[in-house]
Amino acid sequence: MGQACLGIIPPFIEEFNYPIPTNCAAGNTGVYVNGRELHPRDLDLLARRGLPTTREKFYIVEMSGRVVDEDSGEDLKSLGKLAPTIEKAKLGFGMKVPRMAV
């Protein structure tokens, strides 16, 4: 909350099935992804991968990198896999059990 993205949470986790405020990332870019206005640092990162930077646009971005324009429903250029380490970890969605301090 209140800063750029720190990681990716896989979809469909029941404990996280709550509305997230549009401004949760302290974004001011006018570009919205999955209902949230992007922080400038996140927009820069996604723009380098091909996300359009037109203000007041809304997109759906899947973990696969697929991008859909929310208004038109049009598929746009894929951003490529957004979480390749999830596949490398070979642990389901990449979630790891935290190490316990002993």
N, C-alpha and C. Protein backbone atom coordinates (compact mmCIF):
# COMPACT_ATOMS: atom_id res chain seq x y z
N MET A 1 0.84 -1.18 0.00
CA MET A 1 0.00 0.00 0.00
C MET A 1 0.89 1.25 0.00
N GLY A 2 0.52 2.20 -0.85
CA GLY A 2 1.19 3.49 -0.85
C GLY A 2 2.55 3.52 -1.49
N GLN A 3 2.89 2.50 -2.27
CA GLN A 3 4.21 2.47 -2.92
C GLN A 3 4.15 1.59 -4.16
N ALA A 4 5.26 1.55 -4.86
CA ALA A 4 5.36 0.71 -6.06
C ALA A 4 5.20 -0.76 -5.68
N CYS A 5 4.97 -1.59 -6.68
CA CYS A 5 4.77 -3.03 -6.49
C CYS A 5 6.00 -3.68 -5.87
N LEU A 6 5.77 -4.54 -4.90
CA LEU A 6 6.85 -5.28 -4.26
C LEU A 6 6.86 -6.74 -4.66
N GLY A 7 5.83 -7.19 -5.37
CA GLY A 7 5.76 -8.59 -5.78
C GLY A 7 4.41 -8.88 -6.39
N ILE A 8 4.24 -10.11 -6.80
CA ILE A 8 3.00 -10.53 -7.44
C ILE A 8 2.30 -11.54 -6.55
N ILE A 9 1.03 -11.30 -6.32
CA ILE A 9 0.21 -12.26 -5.57
C ILE A 9 -0.62 -13.02 -6.59
N PRO A 10 -0.52 -14.34 -6.60
CA PRO A 10 -1.30 -15.10 -7.56
C PRO A 10 -2.80 -14.89 -7.34
N PRO A 11 -3.59 -15.01 -8.39
CA PRO A 11 -5.03 -14.82 -8.25
C PRO A 11 -5.69 -15.98 -7.50
N PHE A 12 -6.91 -15.72 -7.09
CA PHE A 12 -7.80 -16.73 -6.51
C PHE A 12 -7.35 -17.24 -5.14
N ILE A 13 -6.68 -16.41 -4.37
CA ILE A 13 -6.37 -16.76 -2.98
C ILE A 13 -7.49 -16.18 -2.13
N GLU A 14 -8.23 -17.06 -1.48
CA GLU A 14 -9.45 -16.64 -0.78
C GLU A 14 -9.19 -15.55 0.25
N GLU A 15 -8.07 -15.64 0.97
CA GLU A 15 -7.78 -14.65 2.01
C GLU A 15 -7.57 -13.24 1.45
N PHE A 16 -7.28 -13.13 0.16
CA PHE A 16 -7.05 -11.83 -0.47
C PHE A 16 -8.22 -11.41 -1.35
N ASN A 17 -9.36 -12.06 -1.19
CA ASN A 17 -10.51 -11.79 -2.03
C ASN A 17 -11.33 -10.61 -1.48
N TYR A 18 -10.68 -9.44 -1.42
CA TYR A 18 -11.32 -8.22 -0.93
C TYR A 18 -11.02 -7.10 -1.93
N PRO A 19 -11.91 -6.13 -2.03
CA PRO A 19 -11.63 -5.01 -2.94
C PRO A 19 -10.39 -4.25 -2.50
N ILE A 20 -9.61 -3.84 -3.47
CA ILE A 20 -8.42 -3.05 -3.21
C ILE A 20 -8.69 -1.66 -3.74
N PRO A 21 -8.36 -0.62 -2.97
CA PRO A 21 -8.62 0.74 -3.45
C PRO A 21 -7.87 1.04 -4.74
N THR A 22 -8.50 1.81 -5.60
CA THR A 22 -7.88 2.21 -6.87
C THR A 22 -6.54 2.88 -6.64
N ASN A 23 -6.42 3.64 -5.55
CA ASN A 23 -5.19 4.40 -5.29
C ASN A 23 -4.24 3.70 -4.32
N CYS A 24 -4.35 2.38 -4.17
CA CYS A 24 -3.54 1.67 -3.18
C CYS A 24 -2.04 1.76 -3.44
N ALA A 25 -1.62 1.98 -4.68
CA ALA A 25 -0.19 2.04 -5.01
C ALA A 25 0.34 3.47 -5.03
N ALA A 26 -0.47 4.43 -4.58
CA ALA A 26 -0.06 5.84 -4.63
C ALA A 26 0.29 6.25 -6.05
N GLY A 27 -0.44 5.70 -7.01
CA GLY A 27 -0.18 6.01 -8.41
C GLY A 27 -0.75 7.36 -8.80
N ASN A 28 -0.12 7.97 -9.78
CA ASN A 28 -0.60 9.25 -10.32
C ASN A 28 -0.40 9.29 -11.83
N THR A 29 -0.41 8.11 -12.44
CA THR A 29 -0.08 8.00 -13.86
C THR A 29 -1.29 8.06 -14.77
N GLY A 30 -2.48 7.82 -14.23
CA GLY A 30 -3.66 7.77 -15.07
C GLY A 30 -3.78 6.48 -15.86
N VAL A 31 -2.90 5.51 -15.60
CA VAL A 31 -2.94 4.21 -16.26
C VAL A 31 -3.31 3.19 -15.19
N TYR A 32 -4.35 2.41 -15.46
CA TYR A 32 -4.91 1.49 -14.48
C TYR A 32 -4.73 0.05 -14.94
N VAL A 33 -4.25 -0.79 -14.05
CA VAL A 33 -4.08 -2.22 -14.33
C VAL A 33 -4.80 -2.99 -13.24
N ASN A 34 -5.71 -3.86 -13.66
CA ASN A 34 -6.48 -4.70 -12.74
C ASN A 34 -7.14 -3.85 -11.64
N GLY A 35 -7.65 -2.70 -12.05
CA GLY A 35 -8.40 -1.86 -11.14
C GLY A 35 -7.60 -0.91 -10.29
N ARG A 36 -6.28 -0.90 -10.43
CA ARG A 36 -5.45 -0.03 -9.61
C ARG A 36 -4.63 0.92 -10.49
N GLU A 37 -4.55 2.17 -10.05
CA GLU A 37 -3.73 3.14 -10.79
C GLU A 37 -2.26 2.84 -10.53
N LEU A 38 -1.49 2.77 -11.61
CA LEU A 38 -0.09 2.39 -11.47
C LEU A 38 0.76 3.50 -10.87
N HIS A 39 1.68 3.10 -10.04
CA HIS A 39 2.74 3.96 -9.52
C HIS A 39 3.67 4.25 -10.71
N PRO A 40 4.31 5.41 -10.78
CA PRO A 40 5.19 5.72 -11.91
C PRO A 40 6.27 4.66 -12.15
N ARG A 41 6.85 4.12 -11.10
CA ARG A 41 7.90 3.09 -11.26
C ARG A 41 7.33 1.83 -11.92
N ASP A 42 6.10 1.44 -11.52
CA ASP A 42 5.48 0.26 -12.12
C ASP A 42 5.12 0.51 -13.58
N LEU A 43 4.63 1.71 -13.87
CA LEU A 43 4.31 2.04 -15.27
C LEU A 43 5.57 2.00 -16.12
N ASP A 44 6.67 2.55 -15.62
CA ASP A 44 7.92 2.52 -16.38
C ASP A 44 8.33 1.09 -16.70
N LEU A 45 8.25 0.22 -15.71
CA LEU A 45 8.64 -1.18 -15.90
C LEU A 45 7.75 -1.85 -16.94
N LEU A 46 6.43 -1.70 -16.81
CA LEU A 46 5.51 -2.34 -17.75
C LEU A 46 5.57 -1.70 -19.13
N ALA A 47 5.81 -0.40 -19.20
CA ALA A 47 5.94 0.27 -20.50
C ALA A 47 7.14 -0.26 -21.27
N ARG A 48 8.23 -0.55 -20.57
CA ARG A 48 9.42 -1.13 -21.25
C ARG A 48 9.09 -2.49 -21.84
N ARG A 49 8.07 -3.16 -21.30
CA ARG A 49 7.66 -4.48 -21.81
C ARG A 49 6.54 -4.37 -22.83
N GLY A 50 6.04 -3.13 -23.06
CA GLY A 50 5.06 -2.94 -24.12
C GLY A 50 3.70 -2.42 -23.71
N LEU A 51 3.46 -2.16 -22.41
CA LEU A 51 2.17 -1.64 -22.00
C LEU A 51 2.03 -0.19 -22.48
N PRO A 52 0.92 0.15 -23.13
CA PRO A 52 0.71 1.54 -23.55
C PRO A 52 0.67 2.47 -22.34
N THR A 53 1.09 3.71 -22.55
CA THR A 53 1.15 4.67 -21.45
C THR A 53 0.10 5.77 -21.58
N THR A 54 -0.90 5.57 -22.42
CA THR A 54 -1.96 6.56 -22.60
C THR A 54 -2.71 6.75 -21.29
N ARG A 55 -2.84 8.01 -20.87
CA ARG A 55 -3.54 8.31 -19.62
C ARG A 55 -5.03 7.98 -19.72
N GLU A 56 -5.61 7.69 -18.55
CA GLU A 56 -7.03 7.35 -18.41
C GLU A 56 -7.42 6.10 -19.20
N LYS A 57 -6.51 5.13 -19.25
CA LYS A 57 -6.77 3.84 -19.88
C LYS A 57 -6.77 2.76 -18.80
N PHE A 58 -7.59 1.76 -19.02
CA PHE A 58 -7.76 0.67 -18.07
C PHE A 58 -7.43 -0.65 -18.76
N TYR A 59 -6.58 -1.45 -18.12
CA TYR A 59 -6.14 -2.72 -18.70
C TYR A 59 -6.32 -3.84 -17.69
N ILE A 60 -6.47 -5.03 -18.22
CA ILE A 60 -6.41 -6.25 -17.43
C ILE A 60 -5.11 -6.93 -17.84
N VAL A 61 -4.27 -7.23 -16.87
CA VAL A 61 -3.00 -7.90 -17.15
C VAL A 61 -2.98 -9.20 -16.37
N GLU A 62 -2.80 -10.30 -17.09
CA GLU A 62 -2.73 -11.62 -16.46
C GLU A 62 -1.28 -11.97 -16.16
N MET A 63 -1.06 -12.94 -15.28
CA MET A 63 0.32 -13.35 -14.95
C MET A 63 1.07 -13.86 -16.17
N SER A 64 0.34 -14.35 -17.16
CA SER A 64 0.97 -14.84 -18.38
C SER A 64 1.53 -13.69 -19.22
N GLY A 65 1.13 -12.45 -18.88
CA GLY A 65 1.56 -11.29 -19.65
C GLY A 65 0.51 -10.81 -20.64
N ARG A 66 -0.58 -11.56 -20.77
CA ARG A 66 -1.67 -11.16 -21.67
C ARG A 66 -2.26 -9.84 -21.19
N VAL A 67 -2.50 -8.91 -22.12
CA VAL A 67 -3.05 -7.60 -21.79
C VAL A 67 -4.34 -7.41 -22.57
N VAL A 68 -5.39 -6.99 -21.87
CA VAL A 68 -6.68 -6.71 -22.49
C VAL A 68 -7.06 -5.27 -22.18
N ASP A 69 -7.46 -4.52 -23.20
CA ASP A 69 -8.00 -3.18 -23.01
C ASP A 69 -9.39 -3.35 -22.41
N GLU A 70 -9.61 -2.86 -21.19
CA GLU A 70 -10.89 -3.08 -20.50
C GLU A 70 -12.06 -2.46 -21.25
N ASP A 71 -11.85 -1.31 -21.88
CA ASP A 71 -12.95 -0.62 -22.56
C ASP A 71 -13.41 -1.34 -23.82
N SER A 72 -12.45 -1.77 -24.65
CA SER A 72 -12.81 -2.37 -25.93
C SER A 72 -12.83 -3.90 -25.90
N GLY A 73 -12.18 -4.50 -24.88
CA GLY A 73 -12.06 -5.95 -24.83
C GLY A 73 -11.00 -6.49 -25.76
N GLU A 74 -10.27 -5.60 -26.42
CA GLU A 74 -9.24 -5.98 -27.40
C GLU A 74 -8.00 -6.51 -26.71
N ASP A 75 -7.48 -7.64 -27.23
CA ASP A 75 -6.19 -8.16 -26.76
C ASP A 75 -5.09 -7.27 -27.32
N LEU A 76 -4.16 -6.88 -26.48
CA LEU A 76 -3.03 -6.08 -26.91
C LEU A 76 -1.78 -6.94 -26.89
N LYS A 77 -0.66 -6.33 -27.24
CA LYS A 77 0.61 -7.06 -27.27
C LYS A 77 0.90 -7.64 -25.88
N SER A 78 1.31 -8.88 -25.84
CA SER A 78 1.64 -9.53 -24.57
C SER A 78 2.90 -8.89 -23.98
N LEU A 79 2.95 -8.83 -22.67
CA LEU A 79 4.12 -8.29 -21.99
C LEU A 79 5.16 -9.37 -21.71
N GLY A 80 4.85 -10.61 -22.05
CA GLY A 80 5.73 -11.73 -21.70
C GLY A 80 5.43 -12.16 -20.28
N LYS A 81 5.96 -13.27 -19.87
CA LYS A 81 5.68 -13.81 -18.54
C LYS A 81 6.12 -12.81 -17.48
N LEU A 82 5.23 -12.52 -16.56
CA LEU A 82 5.52 -11.52 -15.54
C LEU A 82 6.18 -12.09 -14.31
N ALA A 83 6.07 -13.36 -14.10
CA ALA A 83 6.65 -13.97 -12.90
C ALA A 83 7.40 -15.24 -13.26
N PRO A 84 8.49 -15.13 -14.04
CA PRO A 84 9.20 -16.35 -14.45
C PRO A 84 9.78 -17.13 -13.29
N THR A 85 10.06 -16.49 -12.17
CA THR A 85 10.62 -17.23 -11.04
C THR A 85 9.64 -18.22 -10.45
N ILE A 86 8.35 -17.98 -10.66
CA ILE A 86 7.34 -18.93 -10.18
C ILE A 86 7.54 -20.28 -10.86
N GLU A 87 7.79 -20.25 -12.17
CA GLU A 87 8.02 -21.51 -12.88
C GLU A 87 9.34 -22.13 -12.48
N LYS A 88 10.36 -21.32 -12.27
CA LYS A 88 11.68 -21.85 -11.89
C LYS A 88 11.63 -22.53 -10.53
N ALA A 89 10.83 -21.98 -9.61
CA ALA A 89 10.76 -22.54 -8.26
C ALA A 89 10.08 -23.90 -8.23
N LYS A 90 9.22 -24.17 -9.23
CA LYS A 90 8.48 -25.42 -9.31
C LYS A 90 7.75 -25.72 -8.02
N LEU A 91 7.17 -24.68 -7.43
CA LEU A 91 6.42 -24.82 -6.19
C LEU A 91 5.03 -24.25 -6.39
N GLY A 92 4.25 -24.86 -7.26
CA GLY A 92 2.90 -24.38 -7.49
C GLY A 92 2.92 -22.97 -8.04
N PHE A 93 2.35 -22.04 -7.29
CA PHE A 93 2.33 -20.65 -7.71
C PHE A 93 3.54 -19.89 -7.21
N GLY A 94 4.56 -20.58 -6.73
CA GLY A 94 5.76 -19.91 -6.29
C GLY A 94 5.74 -19.50 -4.84
N MET A 95 4.69 -19.89 -4.13
CA MET A 95 4.63 -19.53 -2.73
C MET A 95 5.52 -20.48 -1.94
N LYS A 96 6.33 -19.93 -1.08
CA LYS A 96 7.25 -20.73 -0.30
C LYS A 96 6.91 -20.62 1.17
N VAL A 97 7.15 -21.68 1.88
CA VAL A 97 6.97 -21.67 3.33
C VAL A 97 8.08 -20.83 3.93
N PRO A 98 7.74 -19.84 4.79
CA PRO A 98 8.79 -19.01 5.38
C PRO A 98 9.71 -19.81 6.27
N ARG A 99 10.96 -19.42 6.27
CA ARG A 99 11.95 -20.07 7.14
C ARG A 99 11.71 -19.59 8.57
N MET A 100 11.72 -20.50 9.46
CA MET A 100 11.50 -20.15 10.87
C MET A 100 12.85 -19.93 11.55
N ALA A 101 12.94 -18.85 12.29
CA ALA A 101 14.16 -18.58 13.07
C ALA A 101 14.21 -19.56 14.22
N VAL A 102 15.37 -20.14 14.46
CA VAL A 102 15.50 -21.11 15.53
C VAL A 102 16.36 -20.55 16.63
